[in-house]
Amino acid sequence: MSAYGGFALFRLAGAAQDKAFRLVQHDQLTSTNDEALTRAKEGDAGRLWVVASAQTKGRGRNGRVWSSPRGNLHASLLLIDPAHPHRAPELGFAAGIAALHALREILSEDRRLAIKWPNDILHGGAKLAGILLESTALPDGRLACTAGIGVNCGLHPGDTPYKATDLTAIAGQPVAPETVFERLSATMAHWLDVWAGGAGFEAVRAEWLSLAAGLGTRISVARPSQIIEGVFRTIDGSGRLILEQGSGQVAIEAGDVFLGPPGGIAATAGG
């Protein structure tokens, strides 16, 4: 049954099944990320997708609320020791690429899709999907990482400080979260292989830059104590945003990105 009418029936793509990914699904959870990390603490081996038809306490970066109604996709991928801890944040770039390619397949290779640093997916400048990475150290010293992915399939919030959209509005016909998840499970399996725990990050970086929103334009980055402006030149080998200013280049590890001056389209990843 579709998520629009009750408990959704999600399934993994064959390519994901072939690579030993697994799936658990729920009608409702507080958060798919929380459920994934709880399973990790209970001994789950990872490569596990946790999907829910609805979340009651979905969240984005910095504890922001992530709207999680039925009709949208709420999914988290749990990985155990996917990379050395200092390389684990690179997972977000691989996940962003995977999400964009899955959405392109659904939207007939629509080139208006783009990634906004670090891993929000935009369509025509409006937010369509977000990704939240979280991790925890397990008692045995291993690292549990989860990539929470939220996609606006049938609905999008109207009270956000940035433009938002959904797949149904773009496509002009219903797009079910089950359809999105199956495509995503395949593209994620592929891009995790490319990333290879960090060994393939240069290929991931090159692909990410080819999909980047605002590259070569003047953008703003809001941080807790300041707003930094400059021309978005690239991301470096560790995924930091590189801005060109009159005095030279600035590397930024975290912040909310605005395309254009402050008050434009902000990045607020969620999952």
Protein backbone atom coordinates (compact mmCIF):
# COMPACT_ATOMS: atom_id res chain seq x y z
CA MET A 1 0.00 0.00 0.00
CA SER A 2 1.26 3.48 -0.79
CA ALA A 3 2.50 5.83 1.90
CA TYR A 4 -0.34 8.14 0.84
CA GLY A 5 -2.93 5.67 2.08
CA GLY A 6 -1.24 3.71 4.85
CA PHE A 7 1.77 1.53 5.54
CA ALA A 8 4.16 1.82 2.62
CA LEU A 9 5.83 -1.17 1.03
CA PHE A 10 9.42 -0.22 0.30
CA ARG A 11 11.93 -2.47 -1.41
CA LEU A 12 15.61 -2.45 -2.23
CA ALA A 13 16.79 -2.30 -5.83
CA GLY A 14 18.43 -5.46 -7.11
CA ALA A 15 21.81 -3.71 -7.22
CA ALA A 16 21.52 -2.95 -3.49
CA GLN A 17 20.44 -6.48 -2.63
CA ASP A 18 23.40 -7.84 -4.59
CA LYS A 19 25.75 -5.79 -2.41
CA ALA A 20 24.21 -7.12 0.83
CA PHE A 21 22.24 -4.03 1.84
CA ARG A 22 19.24 -4.76 4.07
CA LEU A 23 16.01 -2.93 4.81
CA VAL A 24 13.69 -2.47 7.78
CA GLN A 25 10.59 -0.33 7.48
CA HIS A 26 8.18 1.22 9.93
CA ASP A 27 4.89 3.01 9.68
CA GLN A 28 6.10 5.72 12.06
CA LEU A 29 9.27 6.52 14.02
CA THR A 30 10.48 9.48 15.99
CA SER A 31 13.53 9.59 13.68
CA THR A 32 15.03 7.10 11.24
CA ASN A 33 18.51 8.30 12.23
CA ASP A 34 17.77 7.58 15.90
CA GLU A 35 16.47 4.12 15.05
CA ALA A 36 19.53 3.35 12.93
CA LEU A 37 21.97 4.41 15.66
CA THR A 38 20.01 2.47 18.28
CA ARG A 39 20.32 -0.65 16.13
CA ALA A 40 24.06 -0.01 15.81
CA LYS A 41 24.40 0.10 19.60
CA GLU A 42 22.48 -3.18 19.76
CA GLY A 43 25.02 -4.83 17.48
CA ASP A 44 23.68 -4.39 13.95
CA ALA A 45 26.36 -5.02 11.34
CA GLY A 46 25.38 -2.06 9.15
CA ARG A 47 24.52 -1.70 5.48
CA LEU A 48 21.02 -1.30 6.86
CA TRP A 49 18.36 1.05 5.50
CA VAL A 50 15.77 2.24 8.02
CA VAL A 51 12.68 3.73 6.39
CA ALA A 52 9.53 5.19 7.94
CA SER A 53 6.33 6.43 6.34
CA ALA A 54 6.32 9.30 8.87
CA GLN A 55 8.56 10.76 11.57
CA THR A 56 7.35 12.56 14.67
CA LYS A 57 10.68 14.22 15.53
CA GLY A 58 12.56 14.53 12.24
CA ARG A 59 15.46 16.93 12.43
CA GLY A 60 17.97 18.76 10.31
CA ARG A 61 21.38 20.17 11.03
CA ASN A 62 21.86 22.06 14.31
CA GLY A 63 18.68 20.53 15.73
CA ARG A 64 16.33 22.23 13.28
CA VAL A 65 12.91 20.68 12.75
CA TRP A 66 12.55 18.61 9.57
CA SER A 67 8.94 18.31 8.42
CA SER A 68 8.20 14.58 8.03
CA PRO A 69 4.63 13.96 6.84
CA ARG A 70 3.32 10.88 5.09
CA GLY A 71 3.84 11.11 1.37
CA ASN A 72 7.52 12.08 1.62
CA LEU A 73 10.59 9.86 1.95
CA HIS A 74 12.26 9.47 5.34
CA ALA A 75 15.20 7.06 5.15
CA SER A 76 18.51 6.49 6.92
CA LEU A 77 21.42 4.30 5.89
CA LEU A 78 23.48 2.81 8.72
CA LEU A 79 27.12 2.01 8.03
CA ILE A 80 29.64 0.61 10.52
CA ASP A 81 33.23 1.80 10.17
CA PRO A 82 32.68 3.08 6.60
CA ALA A 83 36.00 4.95 6.71
CA HIS A 84 38.66 6.27 9.05
CA PRO A 85 36.92 8.74 11.38
CA HIS A 86 38.57 11.77 9.77
CA ARG A 87 37.20 10.71 6.38
CA ALA A 88 33.72 9.74 7.54
CA PRO A 89 32.24 13.22 6.76
CA GLU A 90 32.98 12.55 3.08
CA LEU A 91 30.03 10.14 3.19
CA GLY A 92 27.74 13.16 2.91
CA PHE A 93 29.13 14.10 -0.49
CA ALA A 94 28.68 10.56 -1.83
CA ALA A 95 25.13 10.52 -0.43
CA GLY A 96 24.31 13.87 -2.03
CA ILE A 97 25.47 12.67 -5.43
CA ALA A 98 23.51 9.43 -5.05
CA ALA A 99 20.36 11.33 -4.11
CA LEU A 100 20.65 13.72 -7.03
CA HIS A 101 21.18 10.94 -9.56
CA ALA A 102 18.19 9.01 -8.19
CA LEU A 103 16.03 12.12 -8.55
CA ARG A 104 17.35 12.76 -12.06
CA GLU A 105 16.24 9.30 -13.11
CA ILE A 106 12.76 10.01 -11.81
CA LEU A 107 12.61 13.47 -13.40
CA SER A 108 13.80 12.38 -16.86
CA GLU A 109 17.35 13.71 -16.44
CA ASP A 110 16.14 17.17 -15.41
CA ARG A 111 19.22 19.43 -15.36
CA ARG A 112 17.67 21.92 -12.96
CA LEU A 113 18.70 19.65 -10.11
CA ALA A 114 21.81 20.75 -8.25
CA ILE A 115 23.61 20.15 -4.96
CA LYS A 116 24.15 23.02 -2.54
CA TRP A 117 27.06 22.63 -0.18
CA PRO A 118 27.36 20.40 1.60
CA ASN A 119 24.56 18.10 0.43
CA ASP A 120 21.15 19.76 -0.01
CA ILE A 121 19.38 18.99 -3.29
CA LEU A 122 17.75 21.91 -5.10
CA HIS A 123 15.48 22.04 -8.12
CA GLY A 124 15.43 25.38 -9.85
CA GLY A 125 16.77 26.95 -6.68
CA ALA A 126 14.10 25.44 -4.40
CA LYS A 127 14.96 22.83 -1.80
CA LEU A 128 13.82 19.31 -2.69
CA ALA A 129 15.86 17.08 -0.38
CA GLY A 130 18.27 17.22 2.51
CA ILE A 131 20.80 14.93 4.15
CA LEU A 132 21.84 14.73 7.79
CA LEU A 133 24.97 12.81 8.81
CA GLU A 134 25.31 11.61 12.38
CA SER A 135 27.71 9.21 14.04
CA THR A 136 28.53 7.63 17.37
CA ALA A 137 31.42 5.62 18.76
CA LEU A 138 30.44 2.08 19.70
CA PRO A 139 31.71 0.34 22.86
CA ASP A 140 34.09 -1.81 20.80
CA GLY A 141 35.71 1.29 19.26
CA ARG A 142 34.01 1.08 15.88
CA LEU A 143 32.24 4.08 14.37
CA ALA A 144 28.55 3.93 13.52
CA CYS A 145 27.52 6.43 10.84
CA THR A 146 24.06 7.16 9.52
CA ALA A 147 23.05 9.25 6.54
CA GLY A 148 19.49 10.45 6.97
CA ILE A 149 17.86 11.42 3.69
CA GLY A 150 14.61 13.34 3.45
CA VAL A 151 12.98 13.89 0.06
CA ASN A 152 9.87 16.00 -0.55
CA CYS A 153 7.87 13.61 -2.72
CA GLY A 154 4.24 14.66 -2.42
CA LEU A 155 4.41 17.64 -0.08
CA HIS A 156 6.71 20.49 0.88
CA PRO A 157 6.60 22.96 3.75
CA GLY A 158 5.36 26.46 3.05
CA ASP A 159 6.69 28.18 6.15
CA THR A 160 10.43 27.89 5.56
CA PRO A 161 12.83 30.84 5.18
CA TYR A 162 13.87 29.42 1.80
CA LYS A 163 12.02 28.22 -1.28
CA ALA A 164 10.95 24.56 -1.25
CA THR A 165 9.32 22.19 -3.71
CA ASP A 166 8.38 18.54 -4.12
CA LEU A 167 8.59 15.86 -6.82
CA THR A 168 4.86 15.76 -7.49
CA ALA A 169 4.75 19.52 -8.09
CA ILE A 170 7.74 19.25 -10.45
CA ALA A 171 6.58 16.16 -12.35
CA GLY A 172 2.92 17.15 -12.53
CA GLN A 173 1.88 13.70 -11.33
CA PRO A 174 2.21 11.76 -8.05
CA VAL A 175 5.66 10.42 -7.21
CA ALA A 176 5.58 7.87 -4.38
CA PRO A 177 8.33 7.67 -1.77
CA GLU A 178 8.63 3.95 -2.50
CA THR A 179 9.68 4.76 -6.06
CA VAL A 180 12.28 7.25 -4.87
CA PHE A 181 13.70 4.87 -2.29
CA GLU A 182 14.20 2.01 -4.73
CA ARG A 183 16.16 4.27 -7.09
CA LEU A 184 18.10 5.77 -4.19
CA SER A 185 19.11 2.38 -2.83
CA ALA A 186 20.72 1.57 -6.20
CA THR A 187 22.52 4.88 -6.70
CA MET A 188 23.76 4.86 -3.10
CA ALA A 189 25.22 1.39 -3.50
CA HIS A 190 27.07 2.60 -6.61
CA TRP A 191 28.47 5.81 -5.13
CA LEU A 192 29.55 4.11 -1.92
CA ASP A 193 31.61 1.79 -4.11
CA VAL A 194 33.12 4.79 -5.90
CA TRP A 195 33.93 6.51 -2.61
CA ALA A 196 35.47 3.29 -1.25
CA GLY A 197 35.87 4.59 2.28
CA GLY A 198 37.79 7.64 1.11
CA ALA A 199 40.10 6.02 -1.44
CA GLY A 200 37.87 7.31 -4.24
CA PHE A 201 37.04 10.73 -2.82
CA GLU A 202 38.73 12.56 -5.69
CA ALA A 203 36.24 10.98 -8.12
CA VAL A 204 33.39 11.86 -5.74
CA ARG A 205 34.71 15.41 -5.42
CA ALA A 206 34.88 15.84 -9.21
CA GLU A 207 31.33 14.57 -9.67
CA TRP A 208 30.05 16.74 -6.82
CA LEU A 209 31.60 19.86 -8.35
CA SER A 210 29.96 19.06 -11.70
CA LEU A 211 26.59 19.17 -9.91
CA ALA A 212 27.26 22.08 -7.55
CA ALA A 213 24.87 25.03 -7.24
CA GLY A 214 26.47 28.45 -7.24
CA LEU A 215 29.94 27.39 -8.37
CA GLY A 216 31.83 30.41 -9.66
CA THR A 217 29.31 32.88 -8.24
CA ARG A 218 29.32 35.12 -5.19
CA ILE A 219 27.70 33.43 -2.19
CA SER A 220 27.37 34.03 1.54
CA VAL A 221 27.99 31.64 4.42
CA ALA A 222 26.35 32.35 7.76
CA ARG A 223 28.25 31.17 10.84
CA PRO A 224 27.28 31.68 14.48
CA SER A 225 29.41 34.80 14.87
CA GLN A 226 29.79 36.13 11.33
CA ILE A 227 28.72 36.11 7.69
CA ILE A 228 31.43 35.38 5.15
CA GLU A 229 31.04 36.40 1.50
CA GLY A 230 33.09 35.48 -1.51
CA VAL A 231 33.18 33.66 -4.83
CA PHE A 232 32.58 29.92 -4.53
CA ARG A 233 35.66 28.44 -6.21
CA THR A 234 35.69 24.75 -5.25
CA ILE A 235 35.72 22.26 -2.41
CA ASP A 236 39.09 20.97 -1.25
CA GLY A 237 40.28 17.42 -0.69
CA SER A 238 38.46 17.22 2.64
CA GLY A 239 35.20 18.75 1.40
CA ARG A 240 35.71 22.24 2.81
CA LEU A 241 34.06 25.08 0.91
CA ILE A 242 36.66 27.39 -0.67
CA LEU A 243 35.69 31.05 -1.08
CA GLU A 244 37.76 33.60 -2.99
CA GLN A 245 37.98 37.00 -1.35
CA GLY A 246 40.03 40.05 -2.20
CA SER A 247 42.62 39.07 0.39
CA GLY A 248 42.85 35.46 -0.75
CA GLN A 249 41.04 32.18 -0.25
CA VAL A 250 39.06 31.13 2.82
CA ALA A 251 38.30 27.49 3.72
CA ILE A 252 34.98 26.91 5.51
CA GLU A 253 34.19 23.71 7.36
CA ALA A 254 30.60 24.46 8.44
CA GLY A 255 27.90 27.06 7.95
CA ASP A 256 24.60 27.86 6.24
CA VAL A 257 25.10 28.71 2.58
CA PHE A 258 23.11 31.41 0.78
CA LEU A 259 23.15 31.70 -2.99
CA GLY A 260 23.73 35.40 -3.44
CA PRO A 261 23.59 37.83 -0.51
CA PRO A 262 22.34 36.84 2.98
CA GLY A 263 18.61 36.23 2.89
CA GLY A 264 18.75 34.11 -0.27
CA ILE A 265 18.26 30.35 -0.33
CA ALA A 266 19.73 28.79 2.79
CA ALA A 267 20.98 25.25 3.15
CA THR A 268 19.33 23.34 6.01
CA ALA A 269 20.04 19.66 5.57
CA GLY A 270 17.62 17.22 7.17
CA GLY A 271 16.87 13.61 7.80
